[in-house]
């Protein structure tokens, strides 16, 4: 919710900032969507891509996020000096928002009524998160990329050992050797036998 409140809307951008696995993030976003705290909106039809936005129910959590921010400023020492990673400024008055939200008009707090000003250190950290995320994605390409040349593929095929196949054409399971390190699955099978 913090990332969505800061204006981060796309799956990969949220993943880059939170460091969550794509599976865990997808589960959490689906749960927030089921609970009607966030909603998905299509921003690209082919391939299908969504952005995530807080619903009115989700925007009511802004005051909770502000309270957690204030607790962190007091007790967490965000950068060791108690300085905020993000300063919030009221859009109407231009005054900084410190502590709890006090508004004469009776409005409930919402990040949409503020401007977020990131500290240079936190901006650099977030940019490094994004760079590391995309660098890691480039290091591990998808298993079957059509752009690979035939010579590279044939060299790799020559290095791999052929596996035996069962009558159904599926690869046969390898038998564990005496020197093999037991895995969690093999240990649980041994215990159950």
N, C-alpha and C. Protein backbone atom coordinates (compact mmCIF):
# COMPACT_ATOMS: atom_id res chain seq x y z
N UNK A 1 0.83 -1.19 0.00
CA UNK A 1 0.00 0.00 0.00
C UNK A 1 0.87 1.25 0.00
N UNK A 2 2.03 1.17 0.67
CA UNK A 2 2.91 2.34 0.68
C UNK A 2 3.32 2.71 -0.74
N UNK A 3 3.71 1.72 -1.52
CA UNK A 3 4.15 2.00 -2.89
C UNK A 3 3.02 2.58 -3.72
N UNK A 4 1.83 2.03 -3.59
CA UNK A 4 0.68 2.55 -4.34
C UNK A 4 0.38 3.97 -3.89
N UNK A 5 0.50 4.23 -2.59
CA UNK A 5 0.27 5.59 -2.07
C UNK A 5 1.30 6.58 -2.59
N UNK A 6 2.52 6.10 -2.86
CA UNK A 6 3.57 6.96 -3.41
C UNK A 6 3.46 7.12 -4.92
N UNK A 7 2.50 6.45 -5.55
CA UNK A 7 2.31 6.60 -6.98
C UNK A 7 2.94 5.51 -7.82
N UNK A 8 3.50 4.49 -7.19
CA UNK A 8 4.04 3.35 -7.92
C UNK A 8 2.85 2.47 -8.27
N UNK A 9 2.62 2.22 -9.54
CA UNK A 9 1.39 1.58 -9.97
C UNK A 9 1.58 0.21 -10.64
N UNK A 10 2.72 -0.02 -11.25
CA UNK A 10 2.90 -1.22 -12.06
C UNK A 10 3.56 -2.35 -11.27
N UNK A 11 3.20 -3.57 -11.63
CA UNK A 11 3.64 -4.77 -10.91
C UNK A 11 5.15 -4.80 -10.74
N UNK A 12 5.89 -4.68 -11.84
CA UNK A 12 7.35 -4.77 -11.76
C UNK A 12 7.95 -3.65 -10.92
N UNK A 13 7.37 -2.46 -10.98
CA UNK A 13 7.88 -1.35 -10.17
C UNK A 13 7.65 -1.62 -8.69
N UNK A 14 6.49 -2.16 -8.35
CA UNK A 14 6.21 -2.51 -6.95
C UNK A 14 7.16 -3.61 -6.50
N UNK A 15 7.38 -4.59 -7.37
CA UNK A 15 8.28 -5.70 -7.05
C UNK A 15 9.71 -5.20 -6.85
N UNK A 16 10.15 -4.27 -7.69
CA UNK A 16 11.51 -3.74 -7.57
C UNK A 16 11.70 -3.04 -6.23
N UNK A 17 10.70 -2.31 -5.76
CA UNK A 17 10.84 -1.55 -4.52
C UNK A 17 10.67 -2.41 -3.27
N UNK A 18 9.84 -3.44 -3.35
CA UNK A 18 9.58 -4.26 -2.17
C UNK A 18 10.53 -5.44 -2.05
N UNK A 19 11.09 -5.87 -3.18
CA UNK A 19 11.97 -7.03 -3.16
C UNK A 19 11.23 -8.35 -3.03
N UNK A 20 9.92 -8.33 -3.17
CA UNK A 20 9.12 -9.57 -3.06
C UNK A 20 9.28 -10.41 -4.32
N UNK A 21 9.10 -11.70 -4.16
CA UNK A 21 9.06 -12.56 -5.33
C UNK A 21 7.78 -12.24 -6.10
N UNK A 22 7.78 -12.52 -7.39
CA UNK A 22 6.59 -12.22 -8.19
C UNK A 22 5.39 -13.04 -7.71
N UNK A 23 5.64 -14.26 -7.27
CA UNK A 23 4.54 -15.11 -6.78
C UNK A 23 3.91 -14.50 -5.53
N UNK A 24 4.73 -14.14 -4.55
CA UNK A 24 4.20 -13.57 -3.31
C UNK A 24 3.50 -12.24 -3.56
N UNK A 25 4.09 -11.40 -4.39
CA UNK A 25 3.47 -10.11 -4.70
C UNK A 25 2.13 -10.31 -5.40
N UNK A 26 2.07 -11.24 -6.34
CA UNK A 26 0.80 -11.51 -7.04
C UNK A 26 -0.28 -11.96 -6.06
N UNK A 27 0.10 -12.82 -5.12
CA UNK A 27 -0.86 -13.29 -4.11
C UNK A 27 -1.37 -12.12 -3.28
N UNK A 28 -0.45 -11.27 -2.83
CA UNK A 28 -0.85 -10.14 -1.98
C UNK A 28 -1.70 -9.13 -2.73
N UNK A 29 -1.34 -8.84 -3.97
CA UNK A 29 -2.15 -7.90 -4.75
C UNK A 29 -3.54 -8.47 -5.02
N UNK A 30 -3.61 -9.76 -5.32
CA UNK A 30 -4.93 -10.39 -5.54
C UNK A 30 -5.78 -10.32 -4.28
N UNK A 31 -5.16 -10.54 -3.13
CA UNK A 31 -5.91 -10.48 -1.86
C UNK A 31 -6.41 -9.06 -1.61
N UNK A 32 -5.56 -8.07 -1.85
CA UNK A 32 -5.99 -6.67 -1.68
C UNK A 32 -7.12 -6.34 -2.64
N UNK A 33 -7.05 -6.90 -3.85
CA UNK A 33 -8.11 -6.66 -4.83
C UNK A 33 -9.41 -7.36 -4.42
N UNK A 34 -9.30 -8.59 -3.93
CA UNK A 34 -10.49 -9.31 -3.45
C UNK A 34 -11.16 -8.58 -2.29
N UNK A 35 -10.34 -7.96 -1.44
CA UNK A 35 -10.87 -7.21 -0.29
C UNK A 35 -11.30 -5.80 -0.68
N UNK A 36 -11.22 -5.49 -1.97
CA UNK A 36 -11.63 -4.19 -2.52
C UNK A 36 -10.86 -3.02 -1.92
N UNK A 37 -9.56 -3.26 -1.63
CA UNK A 37 -8.68 -2.22 -1.13
C UNK A 37 -7.95 -1.56 -2.30
N UNK A 38 -7.67 -2.36 -3.34
CA UNK A 38 -7.08 -1.83 -4.57
C UNK A 38 -7.89 -2.33 -5.74
N UNK A 39 -7.67 -1.69 -6.90
CA UNK A 39 -8.30 -2.16 -8.13
C UNK A 39 -7.26 -2.13 -9.24
N UNK A 40 -7.44 -3.04 -10.20
CA UNK A 40 -6.56 -3.10 -11.37
C UNK A 40 -7.20 -2.35 -12.51
N UNK A 41 -6.36 -1.64 -13.27
CA UNK A 41 -6.83 -0.98 -14.49
C UNK A 41 -5.85 -1.33 -15.61
N UNK A 42 -6.38 -1.67 -16.75
CA UNK A 42 -5.55 -2.04 -17.90
C UNK A 42 -4.86 -0.79 -18.44
N UNK A 43 -3.55 -0.87 -18.62
CA UNK A 43 -2.83 0.22 -19.28
C UNK A 43 -2.22 -0.22 -20.60
N UNK A 44 -2.22 -1.54 -20.86
CA UNK A 44 -1.69 -2.05 -22.12
C UNK A 44 -2.49 -3.31 -22.46
N UNK A 45 -3.06 -3.35 -23.66
CA UNK A 45 -3.89 -4.49 -24.04
C UNK A 45 -3.07 -5.69 -24.51
N UNK A 46 -2.01 -5.45 -25.29
CA UNK A 46 -1.18 -6.53 -25.81
C UNK A 46 0.27 -6.22 -25.57
N UNK A 47 0.97 -6.91 -24.72
CA UNK A 47 0.47 -7.90 -23.78
C UNK A 47 -0.34 -7.23 -22.68
N UNK A 48 -1.26 -7.97 -22.11
CA UNK A 48 -2.15 -7.43 -21.09
C UNK A 48 -1.34 -7.03 -19.85
N UNK A 49 -1.43 -5.76 -19.49
CA UNK A 49 -0.73 -5.22 -18.32
C UNK A 49 -1.68 -4.36 -17.53
N UNK A 50 -1.51 -4.37 -16.20
CA UNK A 50 -2.39 -3.61 -15.32
C UNK A 50 -1.60 -2.65 -14.45
N UNK A 51 -2.28 -1.61 -14.00
CA UNK A 51 -1.78 -0.72 -12.96
C UNK A 51 -2.71 -0.89 -11.77
N UNK A 52 -2.19 -0.62 -10.59
CA UNK A 52 -2.96 -0.80 -9.36
C UNK A 52 -3.22 0.55 -8.71
N UNK A 53 -4.47 0.76 -8.29
CA UNK A 53 -4.89 2.01 -7.67
C UNK A 53 -5.66 1.69 -6.40
N UNK A 54 -5.54 2.58 -5.42
CA UNK A 54 -6.30 2.42 -4.18
C UNK A 54 -7.76 2.77 -4.44
N UNK A 55 -8.65 1.98 -3.89
CA UNK A 55 -10.09 2.26 -3.94
C UNK A 55 -10.40 3.22 -2.79
N UNK A 56 -11.63 3.73 -2.70
CA UNK A 56 -11.97 4.55 -1.53
C UNK A 56 -11.70 3.82 -0.21
N UNK A 57 -11.97 2.52 -0.18
CA UNK A 57 -11.67 1.72 1.02
C UNK A 57 -10.16 1.71 1.28
N UNK A 58 -9.37 1.59 0.23
CA UNK A 58 -7.92 1.60 0.36
C UNK A 58 -7.38 2.96 0.76
N UNK A 59 -7.99 4.02 0.24
CA UNK A 59 -7.55 5.38 0.59
C UNK A 59 -7.78 5.68 2.07
N UNK A 60 -8.77 5.01 2.68
CA UNK A 60 -8.98 5.19 4.12
C UNK A 60 -7.81 4.65 4.94
N UNK A 61 -6.97 3.81 4.33
CA UNK A 61 -5.77 3.31 5.02
C UNK A 61 -4.64 4.34 5.02
N UNK A 62 -4.77 5.42 4.24
CA UNK A 62 -3.72 6.44 4.19
C UNK A 62 -3.41 6.99 5.58
N UNK A 63 -4.43 7.20 6.40
CA UNK A 63 -4.20 7.72 7.76
C UNK A 63 -3.41 6.71 8.60
N UNK A 64 -3.65 5.43 8.38
CA UNK A 64 -2.91 4.38 9.09
C UNK A 64 -1.45 4.40 8.65
N UNK A 65 -1.22 4.51 7.35
CA UNK A 65 0.14 4.56 6.82
C UNK A 65 0.86 5.80 7.35
N UNK A 66 0.16 6.93 7.43
CA UNK A 66 0.74 8.15 7.99
C UNK A 66 1.12 7.92 9.45
N UNK A 67 0.25 7.27 10.22
CA UNK A 67 0.55 6.99 11.63
C UNK A 67 1.78 6.09 11.76
N UNK A 68 1.90 5.07 10.90
CA UNK A 68 3.08 4.21 10.92
C UNK A 68 4.34 4.99 10.55
N UNK A 69 4.22 5.89 9.60
CA UNK A 69 5.34 6.75 9.21
C UNK A 69 5.79 7.59 10.40
N UNK A 70 4.83 8.16 11.10
CA UNK A 70 5.17 9.00 12.25
C UNK A 70 5.81 8.19 13.37
N UNK A 71 5.33 6.98 13.58
CA UNK A 71 5.94 6.10 14.58
C UNK A 71 7.39 5.82 14.21
N UNK A 72 7.63 5.52 12.92
CA UNK A 72 8.99 5.25 12.45
C UNK A 72 9.89 6.46 12.64
N UNK A 73 9.37 7.65 12.36
CA UNK A 73 10.18 8.85 12.53
C UNK A 73 10.59 9.04 13.99
N UNK A 74 9.69 8.68 14.89
CA UNK A 74 9.99 8.86 16.30
C UNK A 74 10.87 7.75 16.85
N UNK A 75 10.58 6.51 16.50
CA UNK A 75 11.26 5.38 17.11
C UNK A 75 12.19 4.61 16.19
N UNK A 76 12.00 4.71 14.89
CA UNK A 76 12.78 3.90 13.97
C UNK A 76 14.10 4.53 13.56
N UNK A 77 14.19 5.85 13.61
CA UNK A 77 15.42 6.51 13.19
C UNK A 77 15.77 6.15 11.77
N UNK A 78 14.86 6.43 10.84
CA UNK A 78 14.95 6.00 9.44
C UNK A 78 16.35 6.03 8.86
N UNK A 79 17.05 7.13 8.99
CA UNK A 79 18.41 7.18 8.45
C UNK A 79 19.43 7.42 9.56
N UNK A 80 19.08 7.07 10.77
CA UNK A 80 19.98 7.25 11.90
C UNK A 80 19.85 8.60 12.56
N UNK A 81 19.22 9.57 11.90
CA UNK A 81 19.08 10.92 12.45
C UNK A 81 17.61 11.25 12.68
N UNK A 82 16.73 10.33 12.38
CA UNK A 82 15.31 10.58 12.54
C UNK A 82 14.72 11.44 11.43
N UNK A 83 15.49 11.69 10.37
CA UNK A 83 14.99 12.48 9.25
C UNK A 83 14.07 11.62 8.38
N UNK A 84 13.09 12.23 7.81
CA UNK A 84 12.13 11.51 6.99
C UNK A 84 12.72 11.18 5.63
N UNK A 85 12.42 9.97 5.15
CA UNK A 85 12.82 9.61 3.79
C UNK A 85 11.96 10.36 2.79
N UNK A 86 10.72 10.65 3.18
CA UNK A 86 9.79 11.39 2.34
C UNK A 86 9.13 12.47 3.19
N UNK A 87 9.20 13.70 2.72
CA UNK A 87 8.47 14.79 3.38
C UNK A 87 7.14 14.95 2.67
N UNK A 88 6.09 15.09 3.44
CA UNK A 88 4.75 15.28 2.88
C UNK A 88 4.36 16.74 3.02
N UNK A 89 3.84 17.31 1.94
CA UNK A 89 3.43 18.71 1.92
C UNK A 89 1.97 18.77 1.49
N UNK A 90 1.16 19.50 2.25
CA UNK A 90 -0.25 19.68 1.93
C UNK A 90 -0.36 20.48 0.64
N UNK A 91 -1.08 19.97 -0.35
CA UNK A 91 -1.20 20.65 -1.64
C UNK A 91 -1.93 21.99 -1.52
N UNK A 92 -2.92 22.08 -0.64
CA UNK A 92 -3.71 23.31 -0.51
C UNK A 92 -2.95 24.41 0.20
N UNK A 93 -2.30 24.07 1.31
CA UNK A 93 -1.66 25.10 2.14
C UNK A 93 -0.17 25.24 1.87
N UNK A 94 0.45 24.19 1.32
CA UNK A 94 1.89 24.23 1.10
C UNK A 94 2.69 23.97 2.37
N UNK A 95 2.00 23.64 3.47
CA UNK A 95 2.68 23.40 4.74
C UNK A 95 3.08 21.93 4.85
N UNK A 96 4.25 21.68 5.47
CA UNK A 96 4.65 20.28 5.67
C UNK A 96 3.70 19.58 6.64
N UNK A 97 3.54 18.29 6.44
CA UNK A 97 2.69 17.49 7.32
C UNK A 97 3.63 16.71 8.23
N UNK A 98 3.67 17.12 9.48
CA UNK A 98 4.43 16.40 10.49
C UNK A 98 3.44 15.88 11.51
N UNK A 99 3.72 14.75 12.07
CA UNK A 99 2.81 14.21 13.08
C UNK A 99 1.49 13.82 12.47
N UNK A 100 0.47 13.83 13.27
CA UNK A 100 -0.85 13.42 12.80
C UNK A 100 -1.52 14.52 12.00
N UNK A 101 -2.40 14.14 11.13
CA UNK A 101 -3.10 15.05 10.23
C UNK A 101 -4.13 15.85 10.99
N UNK A 102 -4.03 17.15 10.89
CA UNK A 102 -5.04 18.04 11.49
C UNK A 102 -5.55 18.93 10.37
N UNK A 103 -6.84 18.88 10.14
CA UNK A 103 -7.40 19.65 9.06
C UNK A 103 -8.66 20.34 9.55
N UNK A 104 -8.71 21.66 9.34
CA UNK A 104 -9.85 22.45 9.80
C UNK A 104 -11.14 22.09 9.06
N UNK A 105 -11.03 21.65 7.81
CA UNK A 105 -12.23 21.36 7.02
C UNK A 105 -12.87 20.02 7.36
N UNK A 106 -12.21 19.22 8.17
CA UNK A 106 -12.77 17.93 8.57
C UNK A 106 -12.50 16.80 7.58
N UNK A 107 -11.70 17.05 6.55
CA UNK A 107 -11.36 16.00 5.59
C UNK A 107 -10.52 14.93 6.26
N UNK A 108 -10.69 13.69 5.82
CA UNK A 108 -9.80 12.64 6.30
C UNK A 108 -8.51 12.72 5.49
N UNK A 109 -7.43 12.24 6.09
CA UNK A 109 -6.13 12.31 5.42
C UNK A 109 -6.12 11.41 4.19
N UNK A 110 -5.51 11.90 3.13
CA UNK A 110 -5.30 11.12 1.92
C UNK A 110 -4.00 11.57 1.27
N UNK A 111 -3.21 10.61 0.81
CA UNK A 111 -1.97 10.97 0.13
C UNK A 111 -2.24 11.74 -1.16
N UNK A 112 -3.44 11.63 -1.70
CA UNK A 112 -3.75 12.37 -2.92
C UNK A 112 -3.85 13.87 -2.64
N UNK A 113 -3.96 14.26 -1.37
CA UNK A 113 -3.98 15.69 -1.01
C UNK A 113 -2.60 16.22 -0.66
N UNK A 114 -1.58 15.40 -0.87
CA UNK A 114 -0.22 15.81 -0.51
C UNK A 114 0.72 15.69 -1.69
N UNK A 115 1.84 16.34 -1.56
CA UNK A 115 2.95 16.18 -2.48
C UNK A 115 4.05 15.49 -1.70
N UNK A 116 4.62 14.43 -2.26
CA UNK A 116 5.70 13.70 -1.59
C UNK A 116 7.04 14.19 -2.12
N UNK A 117 7.92 14.59 -1.22
CA UNK A 117 9.25 15.06 -1.59
C UNK A 117 10.26 14.08 -0.98
N UNK A 118 10.89 13.26 -1.83
CA UNK A 118 11.82 12.24 -1.35
C UNK A 118 13.16 12.86 -1.02
N UNK A 119 13.80 12.32 0.04
CA UNK A 119 15.16 12.74 0.35
C UNK A 119 16.07 12.19 -0.74
N UNK A 120 17.22 12.83 -0.92
CA UNK A 120 18.16 12.39 -1.95
C UNK A 120 18.63 10.96 -1.69
N UNK A 121 18.86 10.64 -0.41
CA UNK A 121 19.35 9.30 -0.07
C UNK A 121 18.31 8.23 -0.40
N UNK A 122 17.05 8.50 -0.07
CA UNK A 122 16.02 7.50 -0.34
C UNK A 122 15.74 7.39 -1.83
N UNK A 123 15.81 8.50 -2.55
CA UNK A 123 15.63 8.46 -4.01
C UNK A 123 16.74 7.59 -4.63
N UNK A 124 17.98 7.79 -4.17
CA UNK A 124 19.09 6.99 -4.70
C UNK A 124 18.91 5.51 -4.38
N UNK A 125 18.43 5.21 -3.18
CA UNK A 125 18.17 3.82 -2.79
C UNK A 125 17.10 3.19 -3.68
N UNK A 126 16.05 3.93 -3.94
CA UNK A 126 14.96 3.41 -4.78
C UNK A 126 15.43 3.22 -6.23
N UNK A 127 16.24 4.14 -6.73
CA UNK A 127 16.78 4.00 -8.08
C UNK A 127 17.70 2.79 -8.17
N UNK A 128 18.48 2.55 -7.10
CA UNK A 128 19.35 1.38 -7.06
C UNK A 128 18.52 0.09 -7.02
N UNK A 129 17.40 0.11 -6.30
CA UNK A 129 16.50 -1.06 -6.26
C UNK A 129 16.00 -1.39 -7.66
N UNK A 130 15.59 -0.38 -8.39
CA UNK A 130 15.07 -0.58 -9.75
C UNK A 130 16.18 -1.10 -10.66
N UNK A 131 17.37 -0.50 -10.58
CA UNK A 131 18.48 -0.93 -11.43
C UNK A 131 18.86 -2.38 -11.13
N UNK A 132 18.93 -2.74 -9.86
CA UNK A 132 19.28 -4.11 -9.49
C UNK A 132 18.21 -5.10 -9.95
N UNK A 133 16.96 -4.70 -9.83
CA UNK A 133 15.85 -5.57 -10.24
C UNK A 133 15.94 -5.88 -11.73
N UNK A 134 16.11 -4.85 -12.56
CA UNK A 134 16.16 -5.08 -14.00
C UNK A 134 17.46 -5.74 -14.42
N UNK A 135 18.55 -5.48 -13.72
CA UNK A 135 19.80 -6.17 -14.04
C UNK A 135 19.67 -7.66 -13.76
N UNK A 136 19.01 -8.00 -12.66
CA UNK A 136 18.80 -9.41 -12.33
C UNK A 136 17.90 -10.08 -13.37
N UNK A 137 16.93 -9.37 -13.88
CA UNK A 137 16.03 -9.94 -14.89
C UNK A 137 16.79 -10.23 -16.18
N UNK A 138 17.77 -9.40 -16.50
CA UNK A 138 18.54 -9.60 -17.73
C UNK A 138 19.51 -10.77 -17.59
N UNK A 139 19.98 -11.01 -16.37
CA UNK A 139 20.93 -12.09 -16.14
C UNK A 139 20.27 -13.44 -16.33
N UNK A 140 19.01 -13.56 -15.96
CA UNK A 140 18.32 -14.84 -16.09
C UNK A 140 17.22 -14.73 -17.14
N UNK A 141 17.58 -14.92 -18.41
CA UNK A 141 16.57 -14.81 -19.48
C UNK A 141 15.61 -15.99 -19.42
N UNK A 142 14.48 -15.87 -20.09
CA UNK A 142 13.53 -16.99 -20.14
C UNK A 142 14.19 -18.21 -20.76
N UNK A 143 13.76 -19.42 -20.41
CA UNK A 143 14.42 -20.63 -20.87
C UNK A 143 14.47 -20.80 -22.38
N UNK A 144 13.42 -20.47 -23.09
CA UNK A 144 13.41 -20.66 -24.54
C UNK A 144 13.23 -19.33 -25.23
N UNK A 145 14.35 -18.74 -25.65
CA UNK A 145 14.27 -17.49 -26.38
C UNK A 145 14.47 -17.77 -27.85
N UNK A 146 13.58 -17.30 -28.72
CA UNK A 146 13.69 -17.59 -30.15
C UNK A 146 14.88 -16.93 -30.82
N UNK A 147 15.51 -15.95 -30.19
CA UNK A 147 16.59 -15.22 -30.83
C UNK A 147 17.93 -15.94 -30.73
N UNK A 148 18.00 -17.06 -30.02
CA UNK A 148 19.27 -17.78 -29.91
C UNK A 148 19.65 -18.36 -31.27
N UNK A 149 20.95 -18.32 -31.54
CA UNK A 149 21.41 -18.88 -32.81
C UNK A 149 21.51 -20.40 -32.69
N UNK A 150 21.43 -21.07 -33.82
CA UNK A 150 21.48 -22.54 -33.83
C UNK A 150 22.83 -23.03 -33.36
N UNK A 151 23.90 -22.31 -33.66
CA UNK A 151 25.23 -22.77 -33.26
C UNK A 151 25.38 -22.77 -31.74
N UNK A 152 24.85 -21.76 -31.08
CA UNK A 152 24.92 -21.70 -29.63
C UNK A 152 24.11 -22.84 -29.03
N UNK A 153 22.93 -23.08 -29.57
CA UNK A 153 22.08 -24.15 -29.05
C UNK A 153 22.72 -25.51 -29.27
N UNK A 154 23.34 -25.73 -30.44
CA UNK A 154 23.95 -27.03 -30.70
C UNK A 154 25.17 -27.25 -29.83
N UNK A 155 25.94 -26.21 -29.51
CA UNK A 155 27.08 -26.34 -28.61
C UNK A 155 26.61 -26.75 -27.23
N UNK A 156 25.53 -26.15 -26.76
CA UNK A 156 25.00 -26.49 -25.44
C UNK A 156 24.47 -27.91 -25.43
N UNK A 157 23.84 -28.34 -26.53
CA UNK A 157 23.30 -29.69 -26.62
C UNK A 157 24.44 -30.70 -26.56
N UNK A 158 25.57 -30.38 -27.18
CA UNK A 158 26.70 -31.29 -27.18
C UNK A 158 27.27 -31.46 -25.78
N UNK A 159 27.19 -30.44 -24.94
CA UNK A 159 27.74 -30.50 -23.59
C UNK A 159 26.84 -31.26 -22.63
N UNK A 160 25.55 -31.34 -22.90
CA UNK A 160 24.63 -32.00 -21.97
C UNK A 160 24.57 -33.48 -22.25
N UNK A 161 24.39 -34.27 -21.20
CA UNK A 161 24.30 -35.72 -21.35
C UNK A 161 22.87 -36.09 -21.68
N UNK A 162 22.69 -37.03 -22.59
CA UNK A 162 21.32 -37.45 -22.90
C UNK A 162 20.71 -38.18 -21.70
N UNK A 163 19.42 -38.01 -21.52
CA UNK A 163 18.73 -38.71 -20.44
C UNK A 163 17.94 -39.86 -21.04
N UNK A 164 17.85 -40.95 -20.29
CA UNK A 164 17.07 -42.07 -20.78
C UNK A 164 15.60 -41.73 -20.65
N UNK A 165 14.78 -42.36 -21.50
CA UNK A 165 13.34 -42.07 -21.49
C UNK A 165 12.57 -43.34 -21.18
N UNK A 166 11.42 -43.14 -20.59
CA UNK A 166 10.53 -44.27 -20.30
C UNK A 166 9.75 -44.61 -21.56
N UNK A 167 8.92 -45.64 -21.49
CA UNK A 167 8.11 -46.05 -22.64
C UNK A 167 7.17 -44.95 -23.09
N UNK A 168 6.75 -44.09 -22.15
CA UNK A 168 5.83 -43.01 -22.51
C UNK A 168 6.54 -41.83 -23.16
N UNK A 169 7.87 -41.89 -23.23
CA UNK A 169 8.61 -40.80 -23.85
C UNK A 169 9.06 -39.72 -22.87
N UNK A 170 8.70 -39.87 -21.61
CA UNK A 170 9.10 -38.90 -20.59
C UNK A 170 10.50 -39.24 -20.08
N UNK A 171 11.26 -38.25 -19.62
CA UNK A 171 12.58 -38.54 -19.07
C UNK A 171 12.46 -39.44 -17.84
N UNK A 172 13.34 -40.41 -17.75
CA UNK A 172 13.33 -41.32 -16.60
C UNK A 172 13.90 -40.61 -15.39
N UNK A 173 13.39 -40.93 -14.21
CA UNK A 173 13.93 -40.34 -12.99
C UNK A 173 15.27 -40.98 -12.70
N UNK A 174 16.21 -40.16 -12.27
CA UNK A 174 17.54 -40.68 -11.96
C UNK A 174 17.53 -41.31 -10.58
N UNK A 175 18.29 -42.36 -10.44
CA UNK A 175 18.42 -43.00 -9.14
C UNK A 175 19.48 -42.24 -8.36
N UNK A 176 19.27 -42.10 -7.06
CA UNK A 176 20.23 -41.39 -6.21
C UNK A 176 21.49 -42.22 -6.07
N UNK A 177 22.64 -41.58 -6.22
CA UNK A 177 23.90 -42.28 -6.03
C UNK A 177 24.26 -42.27 -4.56
N UNK A 178 25.22 -43.07 -4.20
CA UNK A 178 25.62 -43.16 -2.79
C UNK A 178 26.24 -41.86 -2.30
N UNK A 179 26.81 -41.07 -3.22
CA UNK A 179 27.46 -39.82 -2.82
C UNK A 179 26.54 -38.62 -2.91
N UNK A 180 25.31 -38.83 -3.35
CA UNK A 180 24.38 -37.71 -3.52
C UNK A 180 23.99 -37.13 -2.16
N UNK A 181 23.87 -35.82 -2.13
CA UNK A 181 23.43 -35.14 -0.91
C UNK A 181 21.92 -35.25 -0.84
N UNK A 182 21.37 -35.72 0.29
CA UNK A 182 19.91 -35.87 0.36
C UNK A 182 19.21 -34.52 0.38
N UNK A 183 18.13 -34.44 -0.34
CA UNK A 183 17.31 -33.22 -0.35
C UNK A 183 16.20 -33.38 0.67
N UNK A 184 15.46 -32.32 0.89
CA UNK A 184 14.37 -32.38 1.85
C UNK A 184 13.34 -33.43 1.41
N UNK A 185 13.05 -33.50 0.10
CA UNK A 185 12.09 -34.49 -0.39
C UNK A 185 12.60 -35.91 -0.18
N UNK A 186 13.88 -36.14 -0.51
CA UNK A 186 14.40 -37.50 -0.37
C UNK A 186 14.48 -37.90 1.09
N UNK A 187 14.77 -36.95 2.00
CA UNK A 187 14.79 -37.27 3.43
C UNK A 187 13.40 -37.62 3.91
N UNK A 188 12.38 -36.87 3.44
CA UNK A 188 11.01 -37.16 3.89
C UNK A 188 10.54 -38.50 3.35
N UNK A 189 10.97 -38.88 2.15
CA UNK A 189 10.60 -40.19 1.61
C UNK A 189 11.25 -41.30 2.43
N UNK A 190 12.51 -41.08 2.81
CA UNK A 190 13.23 -42.09 3.58
C UNK A 190 12.59 -42.28 4.95
N UNK A 191 12.12 -41.22 5.55
CA UNK A 191 11.49 -41.30 6.86
C UNK A 191 10.17 -42.02 6.77
N UNK A 192 9.41 -41.78 5.69
CA UNK A 192 8.09 -42.38 5.57
C UNK A 192 8.14 -43.86 5.18
N UNK A 193 9.27 -44.36 4.69
CA UNK A 193 9.38 -45.77 4.26
C UNK A 193 9.47 -46.71 5.42
